[in-house]
N, C-alpha and C. Protein backbone atom coordinates (compact mmCIF):
# COMPACT_ATOMS: atom_id res chain seq x y z
N MET A 1 -8.40 2.38 6.92
CA MET A 1 -9.27 2.76 8.02
C MET A 1 -9.75 1.53 8.78
N LEU A 2 -9.97 0.44 8.08
CA LEU A 2 -10.49 -0.77 8.71
C LEU A 2 -9.41 -1.68 9.28
N PHE A 3 -8.17 -1.24 9.22
CA PHE A 3 -7.07 -2.06 9.71
C PHE A 3 -7.27 -2.54 11.15
N PRO A 4 -7.68 -1.69 12.11
CA PRO A 4 -7.89 -2.20 13.47
C PRO A 4 -8.94 -3.31 13.54
N LEU A 5 -9.98 -3.20 12.71
CA LEU A 5 -11.00 -4.24 12.68
C LEU A 5 -10.41 -5.55 12.16
N PHE A 6 -9.68 -5.49 11.05
CA PHE A 6 -9.05 -6.69 10.50
C PHE A 6 -8.09 -7.32 11.50
N MET A 7 -7.30 -6.46 12.16
CA MET A 7 -6.33 -6.95 13.13
C MET A 7 -7.04 -7.60 14.32
N GLY A 8 -8.11 -6.99 14.79
CA GLY A 8 -8.85 -7.55 15.92
C GLY A 8 -9.49 -8.89 15.58
N LEU A 9 -10.07 -8.99 14.39
CA LEU A 9 -10.69 -10.26 13.98
C LEU A 9 -9.64 -11.36 13.82
N GLU A 10 -8.49 -11.00 13.27
CA GLU A 10 -7.42 -11.99 13.13
C GLU A 10 -6.87 -12.39 14.49
N ALA A 11 -6.75 -11.42 15.40
CA ALA A 11 -6.27 -11.72 16.75
C ALA A 11 -7.23 -12.67 17.46
N ARG A 12 -8.52 -12.48 17.27
CA ARG A 12 -9.49 -13.38 17.88
C ARG A 12 -9.37 -14.79 17.28
N ARG A 13 -9.14 -14.85 15.95
CA ARG A 13 -9.04 -16.16 15.30
C ARG A 13 -7.83 -16.93 15.79
N ILE A 14 -6.69 -16.25 15.96
CA ILE A 14 -5.48 -16.95 16.42
C ILE A 14 -5.35 -16.95 17.93
N GLN A 15 -6.33 -16.36 18.61
CA GLN A 15 -6.40 -16.31 20.08
C GLN A 15 -5.16 -15.65 20.68
N SER A 16 -4.82 -14.49 20.12
CA SER A 16 -3.71 -13.71 20.63
C SER A 16 -4.28 -12.55 21.47
N GLU A 17 -4.15 -12.68 22.76
CA GLU A 17 -4.74 -11.70 23.67
C GLU A 17 -4.09 -10.31 23.54
N TRP A 18 -2.75 -10.26 23.45
CA TRP A 18 -2.09 -8.96 23.38
C TRP A 18 -2.42 -8.25 22.07
N LEU A 19 -2.52 -8.99 20.96
CA LEU A 19 -2.87 -8.39 19.68
C LEU A 19 -4.32 -7.92 19.69
N PHE A 20 -5.19 -8.69 20.32
CA PHE A 20 -6.60 -8.32 20.44
C PHE A 20 -6.73 -7.03 21.26
N THR A 21 -5.97 -6.94 22.36
CA THR A 21 -5.99 -5.75 23.20
C THR A 21 -5.46 -4.53 22.43
N CYS A 22 -4.39 -4.74 21.69
CA CYS A 22 -3.80 -3.67 20.89
C CYS A 22 -4.77 -3.18 19.82
N ALA A 23 -5.48 -4.10 19.19
CA ALA A 23 -6.42 -3.74 18.13
C ALA A 23 -7.61 -2.96 18.65
N HIS A 24 -7.93 -3.13 19.92
CA HIS A 24 -9.09 -2.46 20.49
C HIS A 24 -8.74 -1.17 21.22
N GLN A 25 -7.52 -0.69 21.04
CA GLN A 25 -7.13 0.59 21.64
C GLN A 25 -7.74 1.73 20.84
N PRO A 26 -8.42 2.64 21.50
CA PRO A 26 -9.00 3.78 20.77
C PRO A 26 -7.94 4.62 20.06
N LEU A 27 -6.73 4.66 20.60
CA LEU A 27 -5.67 5.44 19.99
C LEU A 27 -5.31 4.89 18.60
N LEU A 28 -5.29 3.57 18.45
CA LEU A 28 -4.99 2.97 17.15
C LEU A 28 -6.06 3.36 16.13
N SER A 29 -7.32 3.30 16.53
CA SER A 29 -8.40 3.69 15.62
C SER A 29 -8.30 5.17 15.27
N ALA A 30 -7.97 6.00 16.23
CA ALA A 30 -7.83 7.43 15.98
C ALA A 30 -6.68 7.71 15.02
N ILE A 31 -5.56 7.02 15.22
CA ILE A 31 -4.40 7.20 14.34
C ILE A 31 -4.75 6.78 12.91
N MET A 32 -5.41 5.65 12.78
CA MET A 32 -5.79 5.17 11.45
C MET A 32 -6.78 6.12 10.78
N LEU A 33 -7.70 6.67 11.56
CA LEU A 33 -8.67 7.62 11.02
C LEU A 33 -7.97 8.89 10.52
N VAL A 34 -7.07 9.42 11.31
CA VAL A 34 -6.33 10.62 10.93
C VAL A 34 -5.45 10.35 9.71
N MET A 35 -4.76 9.20 9.70
CA MET A 35 -3.91 8.86 8.56
C MET A 35 -4.73 8.72 7.28
N THR A 36 -5.88 8.07 7.37
CA THR A 36 -6.74 7.90 6.20
C THR A 36 -7.23 9.25 5.70
N ALA A 37 -7.67 10.10 6.61
CA ALA A 37 -8.14 11.43 6.22
C ALA A 37 -7.00 12.23 5.59
N ALA A 38 -5.81 12.14 6.16
CA ALA A 38 -4.66 12.87 5.61
C ALA A 38 -4.31 12.38 4.21
N LEU A 39 -4.36 11.07 4.00
CA LEU A 39 -4.06 10.54 2.67
C LEU A 39 -5.13 10.92 1.65
N LEU A 40 -6.37 11.04 2.10
CA LEU A 40 -7.45 11.41 1.17
C LEU A 40 -7.31 12.84 0.66
N VAL A 41 -6.83 13.74 1.49
CA VAL A 41 -6.74 15.14 1.08
C VAL A 41 -5.33 15.56 0.67
N SER A 42 -4.37 14.69 0.82
CA SER A 42 -2.99 15.06 0.51
C SER A 42 -2.71 14.95 -0.99
N THR A 43 -1.62 15.53 -1.37
CA THR A 43 -1.16 15.40 -2.76
C THR A 43 0.00 14.41 -2.85
N THR A 44 0.10 13.56 -1.86
CA THR A 44 1.15 12.55 -1.84
C THR A 44 0.98 11.62 -3.04
N PRO A 45 2.00 11.48 -3.87
CA PRO A 45 1.87 10.60 -5.03
C PRO A 45 1.86 9.14 -4.59
N VAL A 46 0.93 8.40 -5.13
CA VAL A 46 0.82 6.97 -4.86
C VAL A 46 0.77 6.26 -6.20
N TRP A 47 1.45 5.14 -6.30
CA TRP A 47 1.47 4.41 -7.56
C TRP A 47 0.08 4.09 -8.03
N SER A 48 -0.13 4.30 -9.30
CA SER A 48 -1.38 3.94 -9.94
C SER A 48 -1.05 2.84 -10.95
N PHE A 49 -1.84 1.82 -10.98
CA PHE A 49 -1.55 0.71 -11.88
C PHE A 49 -2.30 0.85 -13.20
N LYS A 50 -2.83 2.04 -13.49
CA LYS A 50 -3.53 2.26 -14.75
C LYS A 50 -2.58 2.22 -15.93
N ASN A 51 -1.44 2.85 -15.81
CA ASN A 51 -0.47 2.91 -16.90
C ASN A 51 0.79 2.15 -16.56
N PHE A 52 0.65 1.10 -15.81
CA PHE A 52 1.77 0.33 -15.31
C PHE A 52 2.11 -0.76 -16.31
N ARG A 53 3.34 -0.78 -16.79
CA ARG A 53 3.77 -1.82 -17.73
C ARG A 53 4.67 -2.80 -16.99
N ILE A 54 4.37 -4.07 -17.18
CA ILE A 54 5.12 -5.12 -16.50
C ILE A 54 6.08 -5.75 -17.51
N PRO A 55 7.36 -5.78 -17.18
CA PRO A 55 8.31 -6.46 -18.08
C PRO A 55 7.92 -7.94 -18.21
N SER A 56 8.14 -8.48 -19.38
CA SER A 56 7.69 -9.85 -19.65
C SER A 56 8.33 -10.87 -18.71
N ARG A 57 9.54 -10.62 -18.24
CA ARG A 57 10.19 -11.59 -17.34
C ARG A 57 9.54 -11.60 -15.95
N HIS A 58 8.75 -10.56 -15.62
CA HIS A 58 8.11 -10.49 -14.31
C HIS A 58 6.66 -10.96 -14.32
N ILE A 59 6.12 -11.27 -15.48
CA ILE A 59 4.70 -11.64 -15.56
C ILE A 59 4.40 -12.90 -14.77
N LEU A 60 5.17 -13.96 -14.96
CA LEU A 60 4.91 -15.22 -14.25
C LEU A 60 5.02 -15.06 -12.73
N PRO A 61 6.08 -14.44 -12.19
CA PRO A 61 6.12 -14.26 -10.73
C PRO A 61 4.96 -13.41 -10.20
N ILE A 62 4.55 -12.39 -10.95
CA ILE A 62 3.43 -11.57 -10.50
C ILE A 62 2.13 -12.37 -10.53
N MET A 63 1.94 -13.18 -11.55
CA MET A 63 0.74 -14.02 -11.61
C MET A 63 0.73 -15.03 -10.45
N LEU A 64 1.87 -15.63 -10.17
CA LEU A 64 1.95 -16.58 -9.05
C LEU A 64 1.69 -15.89 -7.73
N GLY A 65 2.25 -14.69 -7.56
CA GLY A 65 2.01 -13.93 -6.35
C GLY A 65 0.54 -13.56 -6.19
N THR A 66 -0.10 -13.19 -7.29
CA THR A 66 -1.53 -12.86 -7.26
C THR A 66 -2.36 -14.06 -6.87
N VAL A 67 -2.04 -15.22 -7.43
CA VAL A 67 -2.77 -16.44 -7.09
C VAL A 67 -2.54 -16.81 -5.62
N LEU A 68 -1.31 -16.68 -5.15
CA LEU A 68 -1.02 -16.98 -3.74
C LEU A 68 -1.77 -16.03 -2.81
N TYR A 69 -1.81 -14.73 -3.18
CA TYR A 69 -2.54 -13.78 -2.34
C TYR A 69 -4.04 -14.07 -2.37
N ALA A 70 -4.58 -14.42 -3.54
CA ALA A 70 -6.01 -14.76 -3.63
C ALA A 70 -6.32 -15.99 -2.77
N THR A 71 -5.42 -16.96 -2.78
CA THR A 71 -5.60 -18.15 -1.94
C THR A 71 -5.56 -17.77 -0.47
N PHE A 72 -4.62 -16.91 -0.11
CA PHE A 72 -4.50 -16.42 1.27
C PHE A 72 -5.74 -15.64 1.66
N LEU A 73 -6.27 -14.86 0.73
CA LEU A 73 -7.47 -14.06 0.98
C LEU A 73 -8.68 -14.96 1.23
N ILE A 74 -8.76 -16.06 0.53
CA ILE A 74 -9.88 -16.99 0.73
C ILE A 74 -9.71 -17.78 2.02
N SER A 75 -8.50 -18.22 2.30
CA SER A 75 -8.28 -19.06 3.48
C SER A 75 -8.24 -18.27 4.78
N ASP A 76 -7.73 -17.05 4.74
CA ASP A 76 -7.61 -16.24 5.96
C ASP A 76 -7.84 -14.77 5.61
N PRO A 77 -9.10 -14.40 5.40
CA PRO A 77 -9.38 -13.06 4.86
C PRO A 77 -8.93 -11.91 5.75
N TRP A 78 -9.06 -12.03 7.06
CA TRP A 78 -8.71 -10.90 7.92
C TRP A 78 -7.22 -10.63 7.93
N ALA A 79 -6.43 -11.67 7.96
CA ALA A 79 -4.98 -11.49 7.91
C ALA A 79 -4.55 -10.95 6.55
N ALA A 80 -5.17 -11.44 5.49
CA ALA A 80 -4.82 -10.98 4.14
C ALA A 80 -5.17 -9.50 3.96
N LEU A 81 -6.30 -9.08 4.47
CA LEU A 81 -6.70 -7.68 4.34
C LEU A 81 -5.82 -6.78 5.21
N ALA A 82 -5.46 -7.24 6.39
CA ALA A 82 -4.55 -6.47 7.24
C ALA A 82 -3.18 -6.36 6.58
N LEU A 83 -2.72 -7.44 5.98
CA LEU A 83 -1.44 -7.42 5.27
C LEU A 83 -1.49 -6.46 4.09
N ALA A 84 -2.59 -6.45 3.36
CA ALA A 84 -2.73 -5.53 2.23
C ALA A 84 -2.66 -4.08 2.70
N ALA A 85 -3.28 -3.77 3.83
CA ALA A 85 -3.23 -2.41 4.37
C ALA A 85 -1.80 -2.02 4.74
N LEU A 86 -1.07 -2.94 5.36
CA LEU A 86 0.32 -2.66 5.73
C LEU A 86 1.20 -2.48 4.50
N VAL A 87 1.01 -3.32 3.50
CA VAL A 87 1.80 -3.21 2.26
C VAL A 87 1.53 -1.88 1.59
N TYR A 88 0.26 -1.46 1.57
CA TYR A 88 -0.09 -0.17 0.98
C TYR A 88 0.63 0.97 1.70
N LEU A 89 0.61 0.94 3.02
CA LEU A 89 1.29 2.00 3.78
C LEU A 89 2.79 1.98 3.56
N LEU A 90 3.36 0.79 3.44
CA LEU A 90 4.80 0.68 3.21
C LEU A 90 5.20 1.10 1.80
N MET A 91 4.25 1.05 0.85
CA MET A 91 4.55 1.44 -0.53
C MET A 91 4.61 2.96 -0.70
N ILE A 92 4.02 3.72 0.19
CA ILE A 92 3.94 5.16 0.02
C ILE A 92 5.31 5.83 -0.07
N PRO A 93 6.27 5.52 0.82
CA PRO A 93 7.59 6.17 0.66
C PRO A 93 8.28 5.81 -0.66
N PHE A 94 8.15 4.56 -1.10
CA PHE A 94 8.77 4.16 -2.36
C PHE A 94 8.09 4.84 -3.54
N SER A 95 6.78 4.99 -3.45
CA SER A 95 6.02 5.69 -4.48
C SER A 95 6.44 7.14 -4.58
N ARG A 96 6.61 7.76 -3.44
CA ARG A 96 7.03 9.16 -3.41
C ARG A 96 8.43 9.33 -4.00
N GLN A 97 9.33 8.42 -3.65
CA GLN A 97 10.69 8.46 -4.17
C GLN A 97 10.68 8.27 -5.69
N SER A 98 9.88 7.35 -6.17
CA SER A 98 9.77 7.10 -7.61
C SER A 98 9.21 8.33 -8.32
N PHE A 99 8.21 8.97 -7.72
CA PHE A 99 7.63 10.17 -8.31
C PHE A 99 8.67 11.28 -8.42
N LYS A 100 9.47 11.47 -7.37
CA LYS A 100 10.50 12.51 -7.40
C LYS A 100 11.52 12.24 -8.50
N LYS A 101 11.89 10.97 -8.67
CA LYS A 101 12.85 10.60 -9.72
C LYS A 101 12.26 10.90 -11.09
N LEU A 102 11.00 10.52 -11.32
CA LEU A 102 10.37 10.79 -12.60
C LEU A 102 10.22 12.29 -12.85
N LYS A 103 9.94 13.04 -11.80
CA LYS A 103 9.81 14.49 -11.93
C LYS A 103 11.14 15.12 -12.33
N ARG A 104 12.24 14.67 -11.68
CA ARG A 104 13.56 15.18 -12.04
C ARG A 104 13.90 14.86 -13.50
N GLU A 105 13.60 13.64 -13.92
CA GLU A 105 13.87 13.24 -15.31
C GLU A 105 13.05 14.08 -16.29
N ALA A 106 11.78 14.34 -15.95
CA ALA A 106 10.93 15.15 -16.83
C ALA A 106 11.43 16.58 -16.89
N GLU A 107 11.89 17.14 -15.77
CA GLU A 107 12.42 18.50 -15.77
C GLU A 107 13.71 18.58 -16.58
N ALA A 108 14.55 17.56 -16.46
CA ALA A 108 15.79 17.55 -17.23
C ALA A 108 15.49 17.45 -18.72
N LEU A 109 14.52 16.63 -19.09
CA LEU A 109 14.13 16.50 -20.48
C LEU A 109 13.53 17.80 -21.01
N SER A 110 12.73 18.47 -20.17
CA SER A 110 12.14 19.74 -20.55
C SER A 110 13.20 20.81 -20.76
N GLU A 111 14.20 20.85 -19.90
CA GLU A 111 15.30 21.80 -20.06
C GLU A 111 16.09 21.50 -21.32
N GLU A 112 16.27 20.24 -21.61
CA GLU A 112 16.99 19.84 -22.82
C GLU A 112 16.24 20.28 -24.07
N VAL A 113 14.93 20.13 -24.07
CA VAL A 113 14.12 20.55 -25.20
C VAL A 113 14.14 22.07 -25.34
N GLU A 114 14.10 22.79 -24.24
CA GLU A 114 14.16 24.26 -24.29
C GLU A 114 15.48 24.75 -24.86
N THR A 115 16.57 24.07 -24.54
CA THR A 115 17.88 24.49 -25.07
C THR A 115 17.96 24.23 -26.57
N ILE A 116 17.27 23.22 -27.06
CA ILE A 116 17.28 22.91 -28.49
C ILE A 116 16.46 23.95 -29.26
N ILE A 117 15.35 24.37 -28.65
CA ILE A 117 14.46 25.33 -29.32
C ILE A 117 15.08 26.67 -29.20
C-alpha cells in the first residue's frame, strides 16, 4: 500500500522528475489500494516462512543476501522498501504455482493411500 510513497521519496532523493510525477498519480495510489485490499481478502496462497526449511548449501548465500539487503535498507531505505514491495508482488505467481504443485502431490498421495486401504 505504501509503495507510491516509497517510490515518491526515492524519486525526490535521486531527483527523477518523471518518477516523482508517476509516484504522485492518484491512479497509482488507487491501484495499490485495490490490490492491497484484494490480497487481504483473497485466498491466494502466499509463501509463509514459518515452516520453511533451507538446504544447508543455501544458508551462506541467504545470509549474505540478508546482510546486503539490511545494508541497502540502512543506506537507502526508500528504495529498499520499494524493492521489497515489488519482490513481494513478483513472488505471488511463483507462490501460487508452488501451492498448486504441492496440492497435486498431496492429492496423488491421498489417492495412493485410499487404494491401499
